[in-house]
Amino acid sequence: MARVVLDPTAETAPATRERTPRPAALTGLTVGLLDISKHRGDVFLDRVAEHLTAAGHTVARFRKPTFTKPAPIDLRHEIATKCDVVIEALAD
């Protein structure tokens, strides 16, 4: 079954992107947790971090300056170079 992922930007034709394969396990990988700065997103990510660290995984935390704009290029680069997988969360 093909999945369609829509790009929320104002493009008239959505870009086609291949999904990155998920790892079979998180053992030995660094998990990045990205808070997009929406209210209470940090609360959710705090719990995720607790569970991941209790299971022995390495966690790196990141936060966007604002949820209204894409993450700055330097933040995206830092996440890409430090993390093997990323969980992005928002909440209201």
PDB file of N, CA and C in Angstrom:
ATOM      1  N   MET A   1       0.844  -1.179   0.000  1.00  0.00           N
ATOM      2  CA  MET A   1       0.000   0.000   0.000  1.00  0.00           C
ATOM      3  C   MET A   1       0.890   1.243   0.000  1.00  0.00           C
ATOM      4  N   ALA A   2       0.714   2.086  -0.958  1.00  0.00           N
ATOM      5  CA  ALA A   2       1.486   3.323  -1.047  1.00  0.00           C
ATOM      6  C   ALA A   2       0.927   4.344  -0.076  1.00  0.00           C
ATOM      7  N   ARG A   3       1.817   5.098   0.539  1.00  0.00           N
ATOM      8  CA  ARG A   3       1.396   6.163   1.449  1.00  0.00           C
ATOM      9  C   ARG A   3       1.694   7.500   0.793  1.00  0.00           C
ATOM     10  N   VAL A   4       0.805   8.424   0.971  1.00  0.00           N
ATOM     11  CA  VAL A   4       0.987   9.762   0.440  1.00  0.00           C
ATOM     12  C   VAL A   4       1.251  10.688   1.619  1.00  0.00           C
ATOM     13  N   VAL A   5       2.368  11.399   1.571  1.00  0.00           N
ATOM     14  CA  VAL A   5       2.699  12.375   2.595  1.00  0.00           C
ATOM     15  C   VAL A   5       2.582  13.746   1.959  1.00  0.00           C
ATOM     16  N   LEU A   6       1.721  14.569   2.508  1.00  0.00           N
ATOM     17  CA  LEU A   6       1.520  15.902   1.949  1.00  0.00           C
ATOM     18  C   LEU A   6       2.459  16.895   2.601  1.00  0.00           C
ATOM     19  N   ASP A   7       3.014  17.766   1.792  1.00  0.00           N
ATOM     20  CA  ASP A   7       3.902  18.812   2.260  1.00  0.00           C
ATOM     21  C   ASP A   7       3.035  20.017   2.652  1.00  0.00           C
ATOM     22  N   PRO A   8       3.090  20.451   3.919  1.00  0.00           N
ATOM     23  CA  PRO A   8       2.203  21.541   4.352  1.00  0.00           C
ATOM     24  C   PRO A   8       2.623  22.932   3.877  1.00  0.00           C
ATOM     25  N   THR A   9       3.669  23.021   3.103  1.00  0.00           N
ATOM     26  CA  THR A   9       4.073  24.334   2.581  1.00  0.00           C
ATOM     27  C   THR A   9       3.149  24.705   1.433  1.00  0.00           C
ATOM     28  N   ALA A  10       3.296  25.878   0.910  1.00  0.00           N
ATOM     29  CA  ALA A  10       2.387  26.394  -0.114  1.00  0.00           C
ATOM     30  C   ALA A  10       2.770  25.969  -1.533  1.00  0.00           C
ATOM     31  N   GLU A  11       3.319  24.787  -1.682  1.00  0.00           N
ATOM     32  CA  GLU A  11       3.686  24.323  -3.020  1.00  0.00           C
ATOM     33  C   GLU A  11       2.437  23.896  -3.777  1.00  0.00           C
ATOM     34  N   THR A  12       2.421  24.136  -5.080  1.00  0.00           N
ATOM     35  CA  THR A  12       1.261  23.739  -5.876  1.00  0.00           C
ATOM     36  C   THR A  12       1.286  22.256  -6.213  1.00  0.00           C
ATOM     37  N   ALA A  13       2.471  21.652  -6.238  1.00  0.00           N
ATOM     38  CA  ALA A  13       2.598  20.214  -6.474  1.00  0.00           C
ATOM     39  C   ALA A  13       3.500  19.644  -5.380  1.00  0.00           C
ATOM     40  N   PRO A  14       2.996  18.705  -4.588  1.00  0.00           N
ATOM     41  CA  PRO A  14       3.815  18.165  -3.503  1.00  0.00           C
ATOM     42  C   PRO A  14       5.036  17.416  -4.024  1.00  0.00           C
ATOM     43  N   ALA A  15       6.136  17.537  -3.292  1.00  0.00           N
ATOM     44  CA  ALA A  15       7.374  16.848  -3.669  1.00  0.00           C
ATOM     45  C   ALA A  15       7.242  15.367  -3.348  1.00  0.00           C
ATOM     46  N   THR A  16       7.850  14.543  -4.176  1.00  0.00           N
ATOM     47  CA  THR A  16       7.864  13.101  -3.942  1.00  0.00           C
ATOM     48  C   THR A  16       9.144  12.760  -3.200  1.00  0.00           C
ATOM     49  N   ARG A  17       8.996  12.049  -2.076  1.00  0.00           N
ATOM     50  CA  ARG A  17      10.153  11.691  -1.271  1.00  0.00           C
ATOM     51  C   ARG A  17      10.052  10.227  -0.867  1.00  0.00           C
ATOM     52  N   GLU A  18      11.175   9.559  -0.902  1.00  0.00           N
ATOM     53  CA  GLU A  18      11.225   8.183  -0.422  1.00  0.00           C
ATOM     54  C   GLU A  18      11.283   8.194   1.091  1.00  0.00           C
ATOM     55  N   ARG A  19      10.585   7.255   1.714  1.00  0.00           N
ATOM     56  CA  ARG A  19      10.656   7.133   3.167  1.00  0.00           C
ATOM     57  C   ARG A  19      11.972   6.471   3.535  1.00  0.00           C
ATOM     58  N   THR A  20      12.597   6.972   4.570  1.00  0.00           N
ATOM     59  CA  THR A  20      13.827   6.370   5.074  1.00  0.00           C
ATOM     60  C   THR A  20      13.457   5.105   5.837  1.00  0.00           C
ATOM     61  N   PRO A  21      14.155   4.006   5.573  1.00  0.00           N
ATOM     62  CA  PRO A  21      13.825   2.782   6.296  1.00  0.00           C
ATOM     63  C   PRO A  21      14.049   2.947   7.798  1.00  0.00           C
ATOM     64  N   ARG A  22      13.147   2.383   8.586  1.00  0.00           N
ATOM     65  CA  ARG A  22      13.278   2.438  10.041  1.00  0.00           C
ATOM     66  C   ARG A  22      14.261   1.374  10.499  1.00  0.00           C
ATOM     67  N   PRO A  23      15.044   1.683  11.530  1.00  0.00           N
ATOM     68  CA  PRO A  23      15.966   0.669  12.043  1.00  0.00           C
ATOM     69  C   PRO A  23      15.191  -0.457  12.725  1.00  0.00           C
ATOM     70  N   ALA A  24      15.760  -1.646  12.708  1.00  0.00           N
ATOM     71  CA  ALA A  24      15.112  -2.793  13.353  1.00  0.00           C
ATOM     72  C   ALA A  24      15.083  -2.624  14.868  1.00  0.00           C
ATOM     73  N   ALA A  25      16.075  -1.922  15.419  1.00  0.00           N
ATOM     74  CA  ALA A  25      16.165  -1.694  16.861  1.00  0.00           C
ATOM     75  C   ALA A  25      16.897  -0.375  17.111  1.00  0.00           C
ATOM     76  N   LEU A  26      16.760   0.156  18.312  1.00  0.00           N
ATOM     77  CA  LEU A  26      17.427   1.408  18.674  1.00  0.00           C
ATOM     78  C   LEU A  26      18.756   1.182  19.383  1.00  0.00           C
ATOM     79  N   THR A  27      19.114  -0.061  19.612  1.00  0.00           N
ATOM     80  CA  THR A  27      20.347  -0.390  20.320  1.00  0.00           C
ATOM     81  C   THR A  27      21.547   0.235  19.618  1.00  0.00           C
ATOM     82  N   GLY A  28      22.319   1.011  20.382  1.00  0.00           N
ATOM     83  CA  GLY A  28      23.523   1.643  19.844  1.00  0.00           C
ATOM     84  C   GLY A  28      23.281   2.906  19.043  1.00  0.00           C
ATOM     85  N   LEU A  29      22.033   3.302  18.881  1.00  0.00           N
ATOM     86  CA  LEU A  29      21.713   4.505  18.108  1.00  0.00           C
ATOM     87  C   LEU A  29      21.431   5.679  19.042  1.00  0.00           C
ATOM     88  N   THR A  30      21.653   6.890  18.549  1.00  0.00           N
ATOM     89  CA  THR A  30      21.290   8.085  19.287  1.00  0.00           C
ATOM     90  C   THR A  30      19.928   8.545  18.792  1.00  0.00           C
ATOM     91  N   VAL A  31      18.999   8.701  19.736  1.00  0.00           N
ATOM     92  CA  VAL A  31      17.641   9.126  19.411  1.00  0.00           C
ATOM     93  C   VAL A  31      17.530  10.617  19.698  1.00  0.00           C
ATOM     94  N   GLY A  32      17.226  11.402  18.678  1.00  0.00           N
ATOM     95  CA  GLY A  32      17.012  12.832  18.846  1.00  0.00           C
ATOM     96  C   GLY A  32      15.551  13.106  19.140  1.00  0.00           C
ATOM     97  N   LEU A  33      15.291  13.963  20.110  1.00  0.00           N
ATOM     98  CA  LEU A  33      13.934  14.374  20.436  1.00  0.00           C
ATOM     99  C   LEU A  33      13.813  15.857  20.116  1.00  0.00           C
ATOM    100  N   LEU A  34      12.968  16.175  19.148  1.00  0.00           N
ATOM    101  CA  LEU A  34      12.815  17.552  18.690  1.00  0.00           C
ATOM    102  C   LEU A  34      11.497  18.134  19.181  1.00  0.00           C
ATOM    103  N   ASP A  35      11.595  19.123  20.032  1.00  0.00           N
ATOM    104  CA  ASP A  35      10.446  19.877  20.521  1.00  0.00           C
ATOM    105  C   ASP A  35      10.244  21.035  19.552  1.00  0.00           C
ATOM    106  N   ILE A  36       9.058  21.107  18.935  1.00  0.00           N
ATOM    107  CA  ILE A  36       8.843  22.179  17.961  1.00  0.00           C
ATOM    108  C   ILE A  36       8.343  23.470  18.604  1.00  0.00           C
ATOM    109  N   SER A  37       8.319  23.522  19.928  1.00  0.00           N
ATOM    110  CA  SER A  37       7.962  24.723  20.703  1.00  0.00           C
ATOM    111  C   SER A  37       6.465  24.976  20.811  1.00  0.00           C
ATOM    112  N   LYS A  38       5.655  23.951  20.592  1.00  0.00           N
ATOM    113  CA  LYS A  38       4.230  24.109  20.875  1.00  0.00           C
ATOM    114  C   LYS A  38       4.000  23.788  22.347  1.00  0.00           C
ATOM    115  N   HIS A  39       2.973  24.381  22.902  1.00  0.00           N
ATOM    116  CA  HIS A  39       2.653  24.223  24.319  1.00  0.00           C
ATOM    117  C   HIS A  39       2.530  22.747  24.708  1.00  0.00           C
ATOM    118  N   ARG A  40       3.248  22.338  25.749  1.00  0.00           N
ATOM    119  CA  ARG A  40       3.245  21.018  26.363  1.00  0.00           C
ATOM    120  C   ARG A  40       3.928  19.928  25.535  1.00  0.00           C
ATOM    121  N   GLY A  41       4.516  20.269  24.402  1.00  0.00           N
ATOM    122  CA  GLY A  41       5.278  19.281  23.655  1.00  0.00           C
ATOM    123  C   GLY A  41       6.453  18.767  24.467  1.00  0.00           C
ATOM    124  N   ASP A  42       7.039  19.650  25.279  1.00  0.00           N
ATOM    125  CA  ASP A  42       8.164  19.251  26.126  1.00  0.00           C
ATOM    126  C   ASP A  42       7.747  18.237  27.184  1.00  0.00           C
ATOM    127  N   VAL A  43       6.511  18.314  27.647  1.00  0.00           N
ATOM    128  CA  VAL A  43       6.009  17.370  28.643  1.00  0.00           C
ATOM    129  C   VAL A  43       5.980  15.965  28.046  1.00  0.00           C
ATOM    130  N   PHE A  44       5.466  15.861  26.836  1.00  0.00           N
ATOM    131  CA  PHE A  44       5.428  14.573  26.142  1.00  0.00           C
ATOM    132  C   PHE A  44       6.845  14.040  25.930  1.00  0.00           C
ATOM    133  N   LEU A  45       7.738  14.900  25.434  1.00  0.00           N
ATOM    134  CA  LEU A  45       9.105  14.460  25.156  1.00  0.00           C
ATOM    135  C   LEU A  45       9.871  14.115  26.422  1.00  0.00           C
ATOM    136  N   ASP A  46       9.552  14.760  27.543  1.00  0.00           N
ATOM    137  CA  ASP A  46      10.179  14.386  28.818  1.00  0.00           C
ATOM    138  C   ASP A  46       9.871  12.921  29.137  1.00  0.00           C
ATOM    139  N   ARG A  47       8.629  12.512  28.942  1.00  0.00           N
ATOM    140  CA  ARG A  47       8.233  11.123  29.216  1.00  0.00           C
ATOM    141  C   ARG A  47       8.894  10.164  28.232  1.00  0.00           C
ATOM    142  N   VAL A  48       8.950  10.542  26.966  1.00  0.00           N
ATOM    143  CA  VAL A  48       9.616   9.702  25.970  1.00  0.00           C
ATOM    144  C   VAL A  48      11.081   9.527  26.351  1.00  0.00           C
ATOM    145  N   ALA A  49      11.730  10.620  26.742  1.00  0.00           N
ATOM    146  CA  ALA A  49      13.135  10.561  27.141  1.00  0.00           C
ATOM    147  C   ALA A  49      13.323   9.651  28.351  1.00  0.00           C
ATOM    148  N   GLU A  50      12.422   9.732  29.318  1.00  0.00           N
ATOM    149  CA  GLU A  50      12.505   8.858  30.494  1.00  0.00           C
ATOM    150  C   GLU A  50      12.469   7.388  30.090  1.00  0.00           C
ATOM    151  N   HIS A  51      11.539   7.036  29.220  1.00  0.00           N
ATOM    152  CA  HIS A  51      11.409   5.645  28.781  1.00  0.00           C
ATOM    153  C   HIS A  51      12.628   5.187  27.986  1.00  0.00           C
ATOM    154  N   LEU A  52      13.105   6.044  27.102  1.00  0.00           N
ATOM    155  CA  LEU A  52      14.264   5.670  26.288  1.00  0.00           C
ATOM    156  C   LEU A  52      15.523   5.508  27.134  1.00  0.00           C
ATOM    157  N   THR A  53      15.772   6.443  28.042  1.00  0.00           N
ATOM    158  CA  THR A  53      16.977   6.335  28.869  1.00  0.00           C
ATOM    159  C   THR A  53      16.878   5.165  29.842  1.00  0.00           C
ATOM    160  N   ALA A  54      15.679   4.891  30.353  1.00  0.00           N
ATOM    161  CA  ALA A  54      15.496   3.726  31.230  1.00  0.00           C
ATOM    162  C   ALA A  54      15.790   2.427  30.489  1.00  0.00           C
ATOM    163  N   ALA A  55      15.550   2.426  29.182  1.00  0.00           N
ATOM    164  CA  ALA A  55      15.825   1.243  28.364  1.00  0.00           C
ATOM    165  C   ALA A  55      17.281   1.204  27.903  1.00  0.00           C
ATOM    166  N   GLY A  56      18.074   2.209  28.324  1.00  0.00           N
ATOM    167  CA  GLY A  56      19.498   2.219  28.009  1.00  0.00           C
ATOM    168  C   GLY A  56      19.874   2.898  26.710  1.00  0.00           C
ATOM    169  N   HIS A  57      18.952   3.655  26.131  1.00  0.00           N
ATOM    170  CA  HIS A  57      19.235   4.332  24.863  1.00  0.00           C
ATOM    171  C   HIS A  57      19.837   5.720  25.095  1.00  0.00           C
ATOM    172  N   THR A  58      20.608   6.188  24.144  1.00  0.00           N
ATOM    173  CA  THR A  58      21.187   7.521  24.183  1.00  0.00           C
ATOM    174  C   THR A  58      20.188   8.505  23.588  1.00  0.00           C
ATOM    175  N   VAL A  59      19.927   9.590  24.314  1.00  0.00           N
ATOM    176  CA  VAL A  59      18.941  10.580  23.884  1.00  0.00           C
ATOM    177  C   VAL A  59      19.603  11.951  23.785  1.00  0.00           C
ATOM    178  N   ALA A  60      19.295  12.686  22.725  1.00  0.00           N
ATOM    179  CA  ALA A  60      19.741  14.075  22.555  1.00  0.00           C
ATOM    180  C   ALA A  60      18.490  14.931  22.374  1.00  0.00           C
ATOM    181  N   ARG A  61      18.404  16.034  23.110  1.00  0.00           N
ATOM    182  CA  ARG A  61      17.226  16.901  23.047  1.00  0.00           C
ATOM    183  C   ARG A  61      17.525  18.147  22.223  1.00  0.00           C
ATOM    184  N   PHE A  62      16.504  18.574  21.469  1.00  0.00           N
ATOM    185  CA  PHE A  62      16.604  19.766  20.633  1.00  0.00           C
ATOM    186  C   PHE A  62      15.275  20.514  20.699  1.00  0.00           C
ATOM    187  N   ARG A  63      15.328  21.815  20.429  1.00  0.00           N
ATOM    188  CA  ARG A  63      14.106  22.632  20.455  1.00  0.00           C
ATOM    189  C   ARG A  63      14.183  23.684  19.356  1.00  0.00           C
ATOM    190  N   LYS A  64      13.111  23.780  18.582  1.00  0.00           N
ATOM    191  CA  LYS A  64      13.009  24.847  17.590  1.00  0.00           C
ATOM    192  C   LYS A  64      12.732  26.165  18.308  1.00  0.00           C
ATOM    193  N   PRO A  65      13.202  27.291  17.763  1.00  0.00           N
ATOM    194  CA  PRO A  65      12.923  28.578  18.393  1.00  0.00           C
ATOM    195  C   PRO A  65      11.432  28.930  18.367  1.00  0.00           C
ATOM    196  N   THR A  66      10.711  28.496  17.336  1.00  0.00           N
ATOM    197  CA  THR A  66       9.286  28.784  17.205  1.00  0.00           C
ATOM    198  C   THR A  66       8.629  27.704  16.353  1.00  0.00           C
ATOM    199  N   PHE A  67       7.371  27.402  16.642  1.00  0.00           N
ATOM    200  CA  PHE A  67       6.677  26.401  15.853  1.00  0.00           C
ATOM    201  C   PHE A  67       6.152  26.961  14.535  1.00  0.00           C
ATOM    202  N   THR A  68       6.199  28.275  14.378  1.00  0.00           N
ATOM    203  CA  THR A  68       5.608  28.897  13.196  1.00  0.00           C
ATOM    204  C   THR A  68       6.501  28.861  11.957  1.00  0.00           C
ATOM    205  N   LYS A  69       7.765  28.467  12.129  1.00  0.00           N
ATOM    206  CA  LYS A  69       8.694  28.435  11.001  1.00  0.00           C
ATOM    207  C   LYS A  69       9.459  27.120  11.003  1.00  0.00           C
ATOM    208  N   PRO A  70      10.005  26.726   9.857  1.00  0.00           N
ATOM    209  CA  PRO A  70      10.852  25.524   9.829  1.00  0.00           C
ATOM    210  C   PRO A  70      12.066  25.699  10.748  1.00  0.00           C
ATOM    211  N   ALA A  71      12.616  24.586  11.178  1.00  0.00           N
ATOM    212  CA  ALA A  71      13.817  24.634  12.019  1.00  0.00           C
ATOM    213  C   ALA A  71      14.954  25.310  11.258  1.00  0.00           C
ATOM    214  N   PRO A  72      15.735  26.142  11.932  1.00  0.00           N
ATOM    215  CA  PRO A  72      16.879  26.787  11.273  1.00  0.00           C
ATOM    216  C   PRO A  72      17.853  25.734  10.733  1.00  0.00           C
ATOM    217  N   ILE A  73      18.549  26.080   9.682  1.00  0.00           N
ATOM    218  CA  ILE A  73      19.466  25.148   9.018  1.00  0.00           C
ATOM    219  C   ILE A  73      20.543  24.632   9.970  1.00  0.00           C
ATOM    220  N   ASP A  74      21.046  25.476  10.862  1.00  0.00           N
ATOM    221  CA  ASP A  74      22.084  25.011  11.791  1.00  0.00           C
ATOM    222  C   ASP A  74      21.534  23.975  12.771  1.00  0.00           C
ATOM    223  N   LEU A  75      20.290  24.122  13.184  1.00  0.00           N
ATOM    224  CA  LEU A  75      19.665  23.134  14.061  1.00  0.00           C
ATOM    225  C   LEU A  75      19.451  21.824  13.308  1.00  0.00           C
ATOM    226  N   ARG A  76      18.969  21.905  12.080  1.00  0.00           N
ATOM    227  CA  ARG A  76      18.776  20.689  11.280  1.00  0.00           C
ATOM    228  C   ARG A  76      20.101  19.972  11.047  1.00  0.00           C
ATOM    229  N   HIS A  77      21.156  20.733  10.806  1.00  0.00           N
ATOM    230  CA  HIS A  77      22.473  20.134  10.601  1.00  0.00           C
ATOM    231  C   HIS A  77      22.961  19.455  11.877  1.00  0.00           C
ATOM    232  N   GLU A  78      22.784  20.110  13.012  1.00  0.00           N
ATOM    233  CA  GLU A  78      23.207  19.532  14.289  1.00  0.00           C
ATOM    234  C   GLU A  78      22.474  18.218  14.558  1.00  0.00           C
ATOM    235  N   ILE A  79      21.169  18.205  14.330  1.00  0.00           N
ATOM    236  CA  ILE A  79      20.391  16.981  14.534  1.00  0.00           C
ATOM    237  C   ILE A  79      20.862  15.887  13.590  1.00  0.00           C
ATOM    238  N   ALA A  80      21.066  16.231  12.333  1.00  0.00           N
ATOM    239  CA  ALA A  80      21.480  15.240  11.329  1.00  0.00           C
ATOM    240  C   ALA A  80      22.848  14.642  11.634  1.00  0.00           C
ATOM    241  N   THR A  81      23.744  15.436  12.220  1.00  0.00           N
ATOM    242  CA  THR A  81      25.089  14.931  12.491  1.00  0.00           C
ATOM    243  C   THR A  81      25.197  14.205  13.826  1.00  0.00           C
ATOM    244  N   LYS A  82      24.291  14.471  14.758  1.00  0.00           N
ATOM    245  CA  LYS A  82      24.376  13.863  16.088  1.00  0.00           C
ATOM    246  C   LYS A  82      23.431  12.680  16.294  1.00  0.00           C
ATOM    247  N   CYS A  83      22.404  12.561  15.461  1.00  0.00           N
ATOM    248  CA  CYS A  83      21.356  11.572  15.727  1.00  0.00           C
ATOM    249  C   CYS A  83      21.220  10.561  14.594  1.00  0.00           C
ATOM    250  N   ASP A  84      20.817   9.359  14.981  1.00  0.00           N
ATOM    251  CA  ASP A  84      20.537   8.309  14.006  1.00  0.00           C
ATOM    252  C   ASP A  84      19.060   8.267  13.654  1.00  0.00           C
ATOM    253  N   VAL A  85      18.216   8.572  14.619  1.00  0.00           N
ATOM    254  CA  VAL A  85      16.777   8.649  14.419  1.00  0.00           C
ATOM    255  C   VAL A  85      16.247   9.849  15.195  1.00  0.00           C
ATOM    256  N   VAL A  86      15.077  10.363  14.775  1.00  0.00           N
ATOM    257  CA  VAL A  86      14.513  11.549  15.430  1.00  0.00           C
ATOM    258  C   VAL A  86      13.034  11.339  15.690  1.00  0.00           C
ATOM    259  N   ILE A  87      12.598  11.763  16.861  1.00  0.00           N
ATOM    260  CA  ILE A  87      11.182  11.812  17.196  1.00  0.00           C
ATOM    261  C   ILE A  87      10.839  13.288  17.326  1.00  0.00           C
ATOM    262  N   GLU A  88       9.878  13.725  16.531  1.00  0.00           N
ATOM    263  CA  GLU A  88       9.446  15.124  16.569  1.00  0.00           C
ATOM    264  C   GLU A  88       8.069  15.139  17.198  1.00  0.00           C
ATOM    265  N   ALA A  89       7.851  16.031  18.146  1.00  0.00           N
ATOM    266  CA  ALA A  89       6.576  16.014  18.846  1.00  0.00           C
ATOM    267  C   ALA A  89       6.006  17.407  18.999  1.00  0.00           C
ATOM    268  N   LEU A  90       4.696  17.452  18.995  1.00  0.00           N
ATOM    269  CA  LEU A  90       3.991  18.689  19.285  1.00  0.00           C
ATOM    270  C   LEU A  90       2.784  18.348  20.130  1.00  0.00           C
ATOM    271  N   ALA A  91       2.296  19.294  20.836  1.00  0.00           N
ATOM    272  CA  ALA A  91       1.096  19.112  21.645  1.00  0.00           C
ATOM    273  C   ALA A  91       0.464  20.470  21.895  1.00  0.00           C
ATOM    274  N   ASP A  92      -0.793  20.449  22.169  1.00  0.00           N
ATOM    275  CA  ASP A  92      -1.520  21.677  22.512  1.00  0.00           C
ATOM    276  C   ASP A  92      -2.340  21.441  23.744  1.00  0.00           C
TER     277      ASP A  92
END
